[in-house]
Amino acid sequence: MSEWMKYALYFSLGGVMVSVSTYFGAMGRGFLAAFISTFPAITGVTIVLIYLNAGHEHAYTYAKHLLWLVPAWIAYVGFLILTLNRIGFWPAMAGALTLYMTIIGLIKLAVR
């Protein structure tokens, strides 16, 4: 399989997951949509594909770094929950993304 075909497949897999999650979320089935979005299928497929393309060490490094991102993700989701009804969707999303990136930057500095 060519490199372009591989990346087209990876892109398609991710797009299917986002589409299915969006579909269920738009139908009012938020728990199912959240479950699909956070189900480790994409993470698992990513780890497998990294392993197949680059080996054990790169897969290990990816998995290890996922844990460093958990606090930022929790802050992101928590900020959305706390502010969405108060300030509206777009300001809450902008604030959540800003908070997420700030925490990622601080984690990156701390890990050095």
PDB file of N, CA and C in Angstrom:
ATOM      1  N   MET A   1       0.848  -1.178   0.000  1.00  0.00           N
ATOM      2  CA  MET A   1       0.000   0.000   0.000  1.00  0.00           C
ATOM      3  C   MET A   1       0.893   1.240   0.000  1.00  0.00           C
ATOM      4  N   SER A   2       0.575   2.192  -0.850  1.00  0.00           N
ATOM      5  CA  SER A   2       1.394   3.396  -0.946  1.00  0.00           C
ATOM      6  C   SER A   2       1.198   4.281   0.286  1.00  0.00           C
ATOM      7  N   GLU A   3       2.133   5.213   0.477  1.00  0.00           N
ATOM      8  CA  GLU A   3       2.033   6.142   1.609  1.00  0.00           C
ATOM      9  C   GLU A   3       0.748   6.955   1.535  1.00  0.00           C
ATOM     10  N   TRP A   4       0.405   7.424   0.338  1.00  0.00           N
ATOM     11  CA  TRP A   4      -0.812   8.223   0.183  1.00  0.00           C
ATOM     12  C   TRP A   4      -2.052   7.411   0.526  1.00  0.00           C
ATOM     13  N   MET A   5      -2.070   6.161   0.151  1.00  0.00           N
ATOM     14  CA  MET A   5      -3.212   5.292   0.455  1.00  0.00           C
ATOM     15  C   MET A   5      -3.335   5.063   1.964  1.00  0.00           C
ATOM     16  N   LYS A   6      -2.198   4.887   2.614  1.00  0.00           N
ATOM     17  CA  LYS A   6      -2.218   4.711   4.068  1.00  0.00           C
ATOM     18  C   LYS A   6      -2.845   5.915   4.745  1.00  0.00           C
ATOM     19  N   TYR A   7      -2.373   7.102   4.374  1.00  0.00           N
ATOM     20  CA  TYR A   7      -2.875   8.308   5.028  1.00  0.00           C
ATOM     21  C   TYR A   7      -4.327   8.589   4.658  1.00  0.00           C
ATOM     22  N   ALA A   8      -4.751   8.216   3.481  1.00  0.00           N
ATOM     23  CA  ALA A   8      -6.166   8.341   3.108  1.00  0.00           C
ATOM     24  C   ALA A   8      -7.014   7.416   3.977  1.00  0.00           C
ATOM     25  N   LEU A   9      -6.514   6.216   4.243  1.00  0.00           N
ATOM     26  CA  LEU A   9      -7.212   5.284   5.123  1.00  0.00           C
ATOM     27  C   LEU A   9      -7.282   5.832   6.543  1.00  0.00           C
ATOM     28  N   TYR A  10      -6.182   6.359   7.059  1.00  0.00           N
ATOM     29  CA  TYR A  10      -6.164   6.931   8.407  1.00  0.00           C
ATOM     30  C   TYR A  10      -7.163   8.085   8.508  1.00  0.00           C
ATOM     31  N   PHE A  11      -7.163   8.947   7.505  1.00  0.00           N
ATOM     32  CA  PHE A  11      -8.070  10.092   7.470  1.00  0.00           C
ATOM     33  C   PHE A  11      -9.519   9.608   7.460  1.00  0.00           C
ATOM     34  N   SER A  12      -9.802   8.592   6.670  1.00  0.00           N
ATOM     35  CA  SER A  12     -11.162   8.058   6.576  1.00  0.00           C
ATOM     36  C   SER A  12     -11.621   7.457   7.899  1.00  0.00           C
ATOM     37  N   LEU A  13     -10.740   6.709   8.551  1.00  0.00           N
ATOM     38  CA  LEU A  13     -11.098   6.119   9.847  1.00  0.00           C
ATOM     39  C   LEU A  13     -11.461   7.202  10.864  1.00  0.00           C
ATOM     40  N   GLY A  14     -10.662   8.232  10.942  1.00  0.00           N
ATOM     41  CA  GLY A  14     -10.944   9.329  11.861  1.00  0.00           C
ATOM     42  C   GLY A  14     -12.234  10.046  11.502  1.00  0.00           C
ATOM     43  N   GLY A  15     -12.454  10.264  10.219  1.00  0.00           N
ATOM     44  CA  GLY A  15     -13.665  10.940   9.765  1.00  0.00           C
ATOM     45  C   GLY A  15     -14.924  10.156  10.082  1.00  0.00           C
ATOM     46  N   VAL A  16     -14.858   8.844   9.955  1.00  0.00           N
ATOM     47  CA  VAL A  16     -16.008   8.008  10.287  1.00  0.00           C
ATOM     48  C   VAL A  16     -16.341   8.137  11.775  1.00  0.00           C
ATOM     49  N   MET A  17     -15.333   8.106  12.618  1.00  0.00           N
ATOM     50  CA  MET A  17     -15.575   8.219  14.067  1.00  0.00           C
ATOM     51  C   MET A  17     -16.212   9.572  14.412  1.00  0.00           C
ATOM     52  N   VAL A  18     -15.701  10.645  13.831  1.00  0.00           N
ATOM     53  CA  VAL A  18     -16.258  11.975  14.090  1.00  0.00           C
ATOM     54  C   VAL A  18     -17.685  12.053  13.561  1.00  0.00           C
ATOM     55  N   SER A  19     -17.927  11.514  12.385  1.00  0.00           N
ATOM     56  CA  SER A  19     -19.262  11.562  11.788  1.00  0.00           C
ATOM     57  C   SER A  19     -20.280  10.786  12.622  1.00  0.00           C
ATOM     58  N   VAL A  20     -19.924   9.606  13.055  1.00  0.00           N
ATOM     59  CA  VAL A  20     -20.842   8.799  13.870  1.00  0.00           C
ATOM     60  C   VAL A  20     -21.122   9.496  15.195  1.00  0.00           C
ATOM     61  N   SER A  21     -20.102  10.032  15.816  1.00  0.00           N
ATOM     62  CA  SER A  21     -20.284  10.743  17.083  1.00  0.00           C
ATOM     63  C   SER A  21     -21.165  11.975  16.896  1.00  0.00           C
ATOM     64  N   THR A  22     -20.937  12.731  15.839  1.00  0.00           N
ATOM     65  CA  THR A  22     -21.750  13.919  15.555  1.00  0.00           C
ATOM     66  C   THR A  22     -23.194  13.537  15.286  1.00  0.00           C
ATOM     67  N   TYR A  23     -23.403  12.473  14.559  1.00  0.00           N
ATOM     68  CA  TYR A  23     -24.762  12.005  14.264  1.00  0.00           C
ATOM     69  C   TYR A  23     -25.526  11.736  15.555  1.00  0.00           C
ATOM     70  N   PHE A  24     -24.933  10.940  16.438  1.00  0.00           N
ATOM     71  CA  PHE A  24     -25.632  10.606  17.679  1.00  0.00           C
ATOM     72  C   PHE A  24     -25.791  11.819  18.592  1.00  0.00           C
ATOM     73  N   GLY A  25     -24.809  12.702  18.603  1.00  0.00           N
ATOM     74  CA  GLY A  25     -24.927  13.919  19.399  1.00  0.00           C
ATOM     75  C   GLY A  25     -26.055  14.803  18.907  1.00  0.00           C
ATOM     76  N   ALA A  26     -26.192  14.927  17.593  1.00  0.00           N
ATOM     77  CA  ALA A  26     -27.261  15.739  17.010  1.00  0.00           C
ATOM     78  C   ALA A  26     -28.638  15.117  17.217  1.00  0.00           C
ATOM     79  N   MET A  27     -28.683  13.821  17.444  1.00  0.00           N
ATOM     80  CA  MET A  27     -29.958  13.137  17.709  1.00  0.00           C
ATOM     81  C   MET A  27     -30.353  13.237  19.184  1.00  0.00           C
ATOM     82  N   GLY A  28     -29.539  13.933  19.981  1.00  0.00           N
ATOM     83  CA  GLY A  28     -29.849  14.074  21.400  1.00  0.00           C
ATOM     84  C   GLY A  28     -29.341  12.921  22.251  1.00  0.00           C
ATOM     85  N   ARG A  29     -28.503  12.109  21.697  1.00  0.00           N
ATOM     86  CA  ARG A  29     -27.965  10.961  22.433  1.00  0.00           C
ATOM     87  C   ARG A  29     -26.532  11.282  22.842  1.00  0.00           C
ATOM     88  N   GLY A  30     -26.431  12.291  23.731  1.00  0.00           N
ATOM     89  CA  GLY A  30     -25.131  12.815  24.143  1.00  0.00           C
ATOM     90  C   GLY A  30     -24.229  11.791  24.796  1.00  0.00           C
ATOM     91  N   PHE A  31     -24.794  10.914  25.630  1.00  0.00           N
ATOM     92  CA  PHE A  31     -23.953   9.919  26.291  1.00  0.00           C
ATOM     93  C   PHE A  31     -23.318   8.984  25.259  1.00  0.00           C
ATOM     94  N   LEU A  32     -24.124   8.521  24.312  1.00  0.00           N
ATOM     95  CA  LEU A  32     -23.601   7.619  23.283  1.00  0.00           C
ATOM     96  C   LEU A  32     -22.562   8.333  22.415  1.00  0.00           C
ATOM     97  N   ALA A  33     -22.838   9.584  22.065  1.00  0.00           N
ATOM     98  CA  ALA A  33     -21.880  10.358  21.264  1.00  0.00           C
ATOM     99  C   ALA A  33     -20.569  10.538  22.025  1.00  0.00           C
ATOM    100  N   ALA A  34     -20.660  10.853  23.315  1.00  0.00           N
ATOM    101  CA  ALA A  34     -19.449  11.016  24.132  1.00  0.00           C
ATOM    102  C   ALA A  34     -18.701   9.688  24.262  1.00  0.00           C
ATOM    103  N   PHE A  35     -19.449   8.609  24.425  1.00  0.00           N
ATOM    104  CA  PHE A  35     -18.823   7.289  24.513  1.00  0.00           C
ATOM    105  C   PHE A  35     -18.053   6.970  23.235  1.00  0.00           C
ATOM    106  N   ILE A  36     -18.678   7.232  22.090  1.00  0.00           N
ATOM    107  CA  ILE A  36     -18.016   6.962  20.808  1.00  0.00           C
ATOM    108  C   ILE A  36     -16.768   7.831  20.661  1.00  0.00           C
ATOM    109  N   SER A  37     -16.875   9.104  21.058  1.00  0.00           N
ATOM    110  CA  SER A  37     -15.739  10.023  20.919  1.00  0.00           C
ATOM    111  C   SER A  37     -14.566   9.642  21.808  1.00  0.00           C
ATOM    112  N   THR A  38     -14.853   9.137  22.997  1.00  0.00           N
ATOM    113  CA  THR A  38     -13.776   8.827  23.932  1.00  0.00           C
ATOM    114  C   THR A  38     -13.408   7.347  23.956  1.00  0.00           C
ATOM    115  N   PHE A  39     -14.160   6.522  23.233  1.00  0.00           N
ATOM    116  CA  PHE A  39     -13.821   5.103  23.166  1.00  0.00           C
ATOM    117  C   PHE A  39     -12.405   4.969  22.620  1.00  0.00           C
ATOM    118  N   PRO A  40     -11.603   4.116  23.215  1.00  0.00           N
ATOM    119  CA  PRO A  40     -10.200   4.056  22.802  1.00  0.00           C
ATOM    120  C   PRO A  40      -9.953   3.437  21.431  1.00  0.00           C
ATOM    121  N   ALA A  41     -10.960   3.378  20.590  1.00  0.00           N
ATOM    122  CA  ALA A  41     -10.753   2.802  19.261  1.00  0.00           C
ATOM    123  C   ALA A  41      -9.758   3.625  18.449  1.00  0.00           C
ATOM    124  N   ILE A  42      -9.939   4.944  18.428  1.00  0.00           N
ATOM    125  CA  ILE A  42      -9.007   5.766  17.653  1.00  0.00           C
ATOM    126  C   ILE A  42      -7.623   5.711  18.272  1.00  0.00           C
ATOM    127  N   THR A  43      -7.558   5.790  19.586  1.00  0.00           N
ATOM    128  CA  THR A  43      -6.265   5.695  20.257  1.00  0.00           C
ATOM    129  C   THR A  43      -5.631   4.335  19.988  1.00  0.00           C
ATOM    130  N   GLY A  44      -6.434   3.294  20.098  1.00  0.00           N
ATOM    131  CA  GLY A  44      -5.920   1.945  19.854  1.00  0.00           C
ATOM    132  C   GLY A  44      -5.441   1.752  18.430  1.00  0.00           C
ATOM    133  N   VAL A  45      -6.247   2.207  17.471  1.00  0.00           N
ATOM    134  CA  VAL A  45      -5.849   2.103  16.062  1.00  0.00           C
ATOM    135  C   VAL A  45      -4.585   2.919  15.823  1.00  0.00           C
ATOM    136  N   THR A  46      -4.517   4.100  16.428  1.00  0.00           N
ATOM    137  CA  THR A  46      -3.329   4.940  16.260  1.00  0.00           C
ATOM    138  C   THR A  46      -2.090   4.241  16.796  1.00  0.00           C
ATOM    139  N   ILE A  47      -2.194   3.653  17.981  1.00  0.00           N
ATOM    140  CA  ILE A  47      -1.048   2.940  18.559  1.00  0.00           C
ATOM    141  C   ILE A  47      -0.636   1.771  17.656  1.00  0.00           C
ATOM    142  N   VAL A  48      -1.610   1.017  17.168  1.00  0.00           N
ATOM    143  CA  VAL A  48      -1.300  -0.107  16.274  1.00  0.00           C
ATOM    144  C   VAL A  48      -0.607   0.397  15.012  1.00  0.00           C
ATOM    145  N   LEU A  49      -1.139   1.466  14.407  1.00  0.00           N
ATOM    146  CA  LEU A  49      -0.549   1.973  13.168  1.00  0.00           C
ATOM    147  C   LEU A  49       0.843   2.553  13.398  1.00  0.00           C
ATOM    148  N   ILE A  50       1.035   3.241  14.521  1.00  0.00           N
ATOM    149  CA  ILE A  50       2.385   3.732  14.835  1.00  0.00           C
ATOM    150  C   ILE A  50       3.337   2.553  14.998  1.00  0.00           C
ATOM    151  N   TYR A  51       2.890   1.521  15.714  1.00  0.00           N
ATOM    152  CA  TYR A  51       3.719   0.337  15.911  1.00  0.00           C
ATOM    153  C   TYR A  51       4.080  -0.307  14.569  1.00  0.00           C
ATOM    154  N   LEU A  52       3.087  -0.474  13.705  1.00  0.00           N
ATOM    155  CA  LEU A  52       3.341  -1.119  12.417  1.00  0.00           C
ATOM    156  C   LEU A  52       4.251  -0.281  11.524  1.00  0.00           C
ATOM    157  N   ASN A  53       4.166   1.046  11.638  1.00  0.00           N
ATOM    158  CA  ASN A  53       4.962   1.922  10.784  1.00  0.00           C
ATOM    159  C   ASN A  53       6.320   2.274  11.366  1.00  0.00           C
ATOM    160  N   ALA A  54       6.418   2.317  12.716  1.00  0.00           N
ATOM    161  CA  ALA A  54       7.666   2.820  13.309  1.00  0.00           C
ATOM    162  C   ALA A  54       8.214   1.963  14.443  1.00  0.00           C
ATOM    163  N   GLY A  55       7.459   0.999  14.912  1.00  0.00           N
ATOM    164  CA  GLY A  55       7.984   0.106  15.927  1.00  0.00           C
ATOM    165  C   GLY A  55       7.545   0.404  17.346  1.00  0.00           C
ATOM    166  N   HIS A  56       8.024  -0.443  18.233  1.00  0.00           N
ATOM    167  CA  HIS A  56       7.654  -0.444  19.646  1.00  0.00           C
ATOM    168  C   HIS A  56       7.939   0.876  20.345  1.00  0.00           C
ATOM    169  N   GLU A  57       9.125   1.411  20.138  1.00  0.00           N
ATOM    170  CA  GLU A  57       9.553   2.613  20.861  1.00  0.00           C
ATOM    171  C   GLU A  57       8.640   3.809  20.587  1.00  0.00           C
ATOM    172  N   HIS A  58       8.267   4.002  19.343  1.00  0.00           N
ATOM    173  CA  HIS A  58       7.396   5.126  18.993  1.00  0.00           C
ATOM    174  C   HIS A  58       5.980   4.929  19.535  1.00  0.00           C
ATOM    175  N   ALA A  59       5.497   3.684  19.504  1.00  0.00           N
ATOM    176  CA  ALA A  59       4.178   3.394  20.072  1.00  0.00           C
ATOM    177  C   ALA A  59       4.185   3.639  21.574  1.00  0.00           C
ATOM    178  N   TYR A  60       5.237   3.232  22.241  1.00  0.00           N
ATOM    179  CA  TYR A  60       5.387   3.449  23.681  1.00  0.00           C
ATOM    180  C   TYR A  60       5.410   4.949  24.010  1.00  0.00           C
ATOM    181  N   THR A  61       6.184   5.699  23.256  1.00  0.00           N
ATOM    182  CA  THR A  61       6.287   7.142  23.488  1.00  0.00           C
ATOM    183  C   THR A  61       4.933   7.820  23.300  1.00  0.00           C
ATOM    184  N   TYR A  62       4.204   7.435  22.259  1.00  0.00           N
ATOM    185  CA  TYR A  62       2.870   7.986  22.026  1.00  0.00           C
ATOM    186  C   TYR A  62       1.952   7.697  23.215  1.00  0.00           C
ATOM    187  N   ALA A  63       1.907   6.447  23.642  1.00  0.00           N
ATOM    188  CA  ALA A  63       1.039   6.054  24.758  1.00  0.00           C
ATOM    189  C   ALA A  63       1.411   6.802  26.038  1.00  0.00           C
ATOM    190  N   LYS A  64       2.690   6.928  26.293  1.00  0.00           N
ATOM    191  CA  LYS A  64       3.155   7.634  27.488  1.00  0.00           C
ATOM    192  C   LYS A  64       2.730   9.102  27.465  1.00  0.00           C
ATOM    193  N   HIS A  65       2.846   9.735  26.331  1.00  0.00           N
ATOM    194  CA  HIS A  65       2.499  11.147  26.234  1.00  0.00           C
ATOM    195  C   HIS A  65       0.996  11.389  26.302  1.00  0.00           C
ATOM    196  N   LEU A  66       0.192  10.382  25.976  1.00  0.00           N
ATOM    197  CA  LEU A  66      -1.257  10.532  26.130  1.00  0.00           C
ATOM    198  C   LEU A  66      -1.617  10.865  27.574  1.00  0.00           C
ATOM    199  N   LEU A  67      -0.933  10.242  28.514  1.00  0.00           N
ATOM    200  CA  LEU A  67      -1.238  10.491  29.934  1.00  0.00           C
ATOM    201  C   LEU A  67      -0.954  11.930  30.341  1.00  0.00           C
ATOM    202  N   TRP A  68       0.066  12.528  29.741  1.00  0.00           N
ATOM    203  CA  TRP A  68       0.387  13.921  30.071  1.00  0.00           C
ATOM    204  C   TRP A  68      -0.722  14.867  29.618  1.00  0.00           C
ATOM    205  N   LEU A  69      -1.505  14.470  28.633  1.00  0.00           N
ATOM    206  CA  LEU A  69      -2.539  15.341  28.091  1.00  0.00           C
ATOM    207  C   LEU A  69      -3.876  15.230  28.834  1.00  0.00           C
ATOM    208  N   VAL A  70      -4.028  14.237  29.686  1.00  0.00           N
ATOM    209  CA  VAL A  70      -5.292  14.043  30.406  1.00  0.00           C
ATOM    210  C   VAL A  70      -5.685  15.257  31.252  1.00  0.00           C
ATOM    211  N   PRO A  71      -4.784  15.847  32.055  1.00  0.00           N
ATOM    212  CA  PRO A  71      -5.208  17.013  32.850  1.00  0.00           C
ATOM    213  C   PRO A  71      -5.715  18.173  31.983  1.00  0.00           C
ATOM    214  N   ALA A  72      -5.078  18.422  30.859  1.00  0.00           N
ATOM    215  CA  ALA A  72      -5.517  19.501  29.966  1.00  0.00           C
ATOM    216  C   ALA A  72      -6.886  19.182  29.374  1.00  0.00           C
ATOM    217  N   TRP A  73      -7.121  17.931  29.025  1.00  0.00           N
ATOM    218  CA  TRP A  73      -8.405  17.532  28.462  1.00  0.00           C
ATOM    219  C   TRP A  73      -9.513  17.666  29.501  1.00  0.00           C
ATOM    220  N   ILE A  74      -9.231  17.279  30.736  1.00  0.00           N
ATOM    221  CA  ILE A  74     -10.223  17.416  31.810  1.00  0.00           C
ATOM    222  C   ILE A  74     -10.544  18.892  32.045  1.00  0.00           C
ATOM    223  N   ALA A  75      -9.532  19.749  32.039  1.00  0.00           N
ATOM    224  CA  ALA A  75      -9.756  21.190  32.208  1.00  0.00           C
ATOM    225  C   ALA A  75     -10.582  21.735  31.042  1.00  0.00           C
ATOM    226  N   TYR A  76     -10.295  21.301  29.839  1.00  0.00           N
ATOM    227  CA  TYR A  76     -11.033  21.721  28.642  1.00  0.00           C
ATOM    228  C   TYR A  76     -12.521  21.376  28.755  1.00  0.00           C
ATOM    229  N   VAL A  77     -12.807  20.128  29.056  1.00  0.00           N
ATOM    230  CA  VAL A  77     -14.195  19.687  29.169  1.00  0.00           C
ATOM    231  C   VAL A  77     -14.877  20.349  30.365  1.00  0.00           C
ATOM    232  N   GLY A  78     -14.176  20.438  31.488  1.00  0.00           N
ATOM    233  CA  GLY A  78     -14.739  21.093  32.668  1.00  0.00           C
ATOM    234  C   GLY A  78     -15.082  22.543  32.405  1.00  0.00           C
ATOM    235  N   PHE A  79     -14.204  23.257  31.710  1.00  0.00           N
ATOM    236  CA  PHE A  79     -14.463  24.660  31.363  1.00  0.00           C
ATOM    237  C   PHE A  79     -15.707  24.770  30.495  1.00  0.00           C
ATOM    238  N   LEU A  80     -15.840  23.893  29.516  1.00  0.00           N
ATOM    239  CA  LEU A  80     -17.038  23.913  28.669  1.00  0.00           C
ATOM    240  C   LEU A  80     -18.307  23.684  29.490  1.00  0.00           C
ATOM    241  N   ILE A  81     -18.265  22.703  30.372  1.00  0.00           N
ATOM    242  CA  ILE A  81     -19.435  22.400  31.192  1.00  0.00           C
ATOM    243  C   ILE A  81     -19.818  23.605  32.051  1.00  0.00           C
ATOM    244  N   LEU A  82     -18.824  24.263  32.636  1.00  0.00           N
ATOM    245  CA  LEU A  82     -19.095  25.382  33.535  1.00  0.00           C
ATOM    246  C   LEU A  82     -19.516  26.663  32.822  1.00  0.00           C
ATOM    247  N   THR A  83     -19.091  26.857  31.577  1.00  0.00           N
ATOM    248  CA  THR A  83     -19.326  28.150  30.924  1.00  0.00           C
ATOM    249  C   THR A  83     -20.303  28.130  29.757  1.00  0.00           C
ATOM    250  N   LEU A  84     -20.600  26.975  29.217  1.00  0.00           N
ATOM    251  CA  LEU A  84     -21.429  26.900  28.015  1.00  0.00           C
ATOM    252  C   LEU A  84     -22.768  27.612  28.180  1.00  0.00           C
ATOM    253  N   ASN A  85     -23.477  27.342  29.251  1.00  0.00           N
ATOM    254  CA  ASN A  85     -24.779  27.975  29.478  1.00  0.00           C
ATOM    255  C   ASN A  85     -24.660  29.429  29.909  1.00  0.00           C
ATOM    256  N   ARG A  86     -23.526  29.804  30.453  1.00  0.00           N
ATOM    257  CA  ARG A  86     -23.353  31.172  30.970  1.00  0.00           C
ATOM    258  C   ARG A  86     -22.929  32.175  29.912  1.00  0.00           C
ATOM    259  N   ILE A  87     -21.996  31.778  29.037  1.00  0.00           N
ATOM    260  CA  ILE A  87     -21.445  32.761  28.100  1.00  0.00           C
ATOM    261  C   ILE A  87     -21.702  32.412  26.642  1.00  0.00           C
ATOM    262  N   GLY A  88     -22.324  31.281  26.371  1.00  0.00           N
ATOM    263  CA  GLY A  88     -22.614  30.875  24.999  1.00  0.00           C
ATOM    264  C   GLY A  88     -21.560  29.946  24.436  1.00  0.00           C
ATOM    265  N   PHE A  89     -21.918  29.327  23.318  1.00  0.00           N
ATOM    266  CA  PHE A  89     -21.067  28.278  22.757  1.00  0.00           C
ATOM    267  C   PHE A  89     -19.695  28.781  22.309  1.00  0.00           C
ATOM    268  N   TRP A  90     -19.651  29.789  21.423  1.00  0.00           N
ATOM    269  CA  TRP A  90     -18.369  30.194  20.833  1.00  0.00           C
ATOM    270  C   TRP A  90     -17.393  30.771  21.856  1.00  0.00           C
ATOM    271  N   PRO A  91     -17.850  31.656  22.770  1.00  0.00           N
ATOM    272  CA  PRO A  91     -16.903  32.125  23.794  1.00  0.00           C
ATOM    273  C   PRO A  91     -16.423  30.987  24.708  1.00  0.00           C
ATOM    274  N   ALA A  92     -17.339  30.064  25.041  1.00  0.00           N
ATOM    275  CA  ALA A  92     -16.939  28.929  25.878  1.00  0.00           C
ATOM    276  C   ALA A  92     -15.930  28.046  25.162  1.00  0.00           C
ATOM    277  N   MET A  93     -16.158  27.797  23.877  1.00  0.00           N
ATOM    278  CA  MET A  93     -15.222  26.968  23.103  1.00  0.00           C
ATOM    279  C   MET A  93     -13.869  27.657  22.985  1.00  0.00           C
ATOM    280  N   ALA A  94     -13.870  28.948  22.705  1.00  0.00           N
ATOM    281  CA  ALA A  94     -12.603  29.690  22.604  1.00  0.00           C
ATOM    282  C   ALA A  94     -11.862  29.668  23.935  1.00  0.00           C
ATOM    283  N   GLY A  95     -12.578  29.884  25.020  1.00  0.00           N
ATOM    284  CA  GLY A  95     -11.945  29.847  26.341  1.00  0.00           C
ATOM    285  C   GLY A  95     -11.418  28.471  26.684  1.00  0.00           C
ATOM    286  N   ALA A  96     -12.191  27.437  26.356  1.00  0.00           N
ATOM    287  CA  ALA A  96     -11.768  26.066  26.644  1.00  0.00           C
ATOM    288  C   ALA A  96     -10.512  25.709  25.854  1.00  0.00           C
ATOM    289  N   LEU A  97     -10.476  26.083  24.578  1.00  0.00           N
ATOM    290  CA  LEU A  97      -9.298  25.791  23.759  1.00  0.00           C
ATOM    291  C   LEU A  97      -8.081  26.574  24.232  1.00  0.00           C
ATOM    292  N   THR A  98      -8.309  27.822  24.636  1.00  0.00           N
ATOM    293  CA  THR A  98      -7.212  28.632  25.169  1.00  0.00           C
ATOM    294  C   THR A  98      -6.665  28.005  26.448  1.00  0.00           C
ATOM    295  N   LEU A  99      -7.560  27.593  27.340  1.00  0.00           N
ATOM    296  CA  LEU A  99      -7.147  26.932  28.579  1.00  0.00           C
ATOM    297  C   LEU A  99      -6.386  25.646  28.276  1.00  0.00           C
ATOM    298  N   TYR A 100      -6.910  24.849  27.347  1.00  0.00           N
ATOM    299  CA  TYR A 100      -6.263  23.593  26.962  1.00  0.00           C
ATOM    300  C   TYR A 100      -4.836  23.842  26.467  1.00  0.00           C
ATOM    301  N   MET A 101      -4.694  24.794  25.551  1.00  0.00           N
ATOM    302  CA  MET A 101      -3.365  25.070  24.985  1.00  0.00           C
ATOM    303  C   MET A 101      -2.419  25.651  26.038  1.00  0.00           C
ATOM    304  N   THR A 102      -2.951  26.451  26.952  1.00  0.00           N
ATOM    305  CA  THR A 102      -2.120  27.001  28.028  1.00  0.00           C
ATOM    306  C   THR A 102      -1.598  25.886  28.926  1.00  0.00           C
ATOM    307  N   ILE A 103      -2.479  24.974  29.297  1.00  0.00           N
ATOM    308  CA  ILE A 103      -2.062  23.866  30.159  1.00  0.00           C
ATOM    309  C   ILE A 103      -1.067  22.964  29.421  1.00  0.00           C
ATOM    310  N   ILE A 104      -1.295  22.715  28.143  1.00  0.00           N
ATOM    311  CA  ILE A 104      -0.353  21.913  27.346  1.00  0.00           C
ATOM    312  C   ILE A 104       1.011  22.597  27.350  1.00  0.00           C
ATOM    313  N   GLY A 105       1.036  23.912  27.153  1.00  0.00           N
ATOM    314  CA  GLY A 105       2.302  24.645  27.172  1.00  0.00           C
ATOM    315  C   GLY A 105       3.001  24.522  28.515  1.00  0.00           C
ATOM    316  N   LEU A 106       2.245  24.619  29.600  1.00  0.00           N
ATOM    317  CA  LEU A 106       2.838  24.504  30.937  1.00  0.00           C
ATOM    318  C   LEU A 106       3.353  23.085  31.171  1.00  0.00           C
ATOM    319  N   ILE A 107       2.595  22.089  30.715  1.00  0.00           N
ATOM    320  CA  ILE A 107       3.042  20.698  30.855  1.00  0.00           C
ATOM    321  C   ILE A 107       4.318  20.486  30.054  1.00  0.00           C
ATOM    322  N   LYS A 108       4.359  21.022  28.849  1.00  0.00           N
ATOM    323  CA  LYS A 108       5.559  20.877  28.005  1.00  0.00           C
ATOM    324  C   LYS A 108       6.778  21.491  28.670  1.00  0.00           C
ATOM    325  N   LEU A 109       6.588  22.661  29.295  1.00  0.00           N
ATOM    326  CA  LEU A 109       7.693  23.294  30.014  1.00  0.00           C
ATOM    327  C   LEU A 109       8.127  22.458  31.223  1.00  0.00           C
ATOM    328  N   ALA A 110       7.147  21.894  31.936  1.00  0.00           N
ATOM    329  CA  ALA A 110       7.455  21.110  33.133  1.00  0.00           C
ATOM    330  C   ALA A 110       8.151  19.790  32.800  1.00  0.00           C
ATOM    331  N   VAL A 111       7.831  19.216  31.652  1.00  0.00           N
ATOM    332  CA  VAL A 111       8.382  17.914  31.265  1.00  0.00           C
ATOM    333  C   VAL A 111       9.838  18.029  30.819  1.00  0.00           C
ATOM    334  N   ARG A 112      10.233  19.190  30.355  1.00  0.00           N
ATOM    335  CA  ARG A 112      11.608  19.373  29.864  1.00  0.00           C
ATOM    336  C   ARG A 112      12.585  18.930  30.863  1.00  0.00           C
TER     337      ARG A 112
END
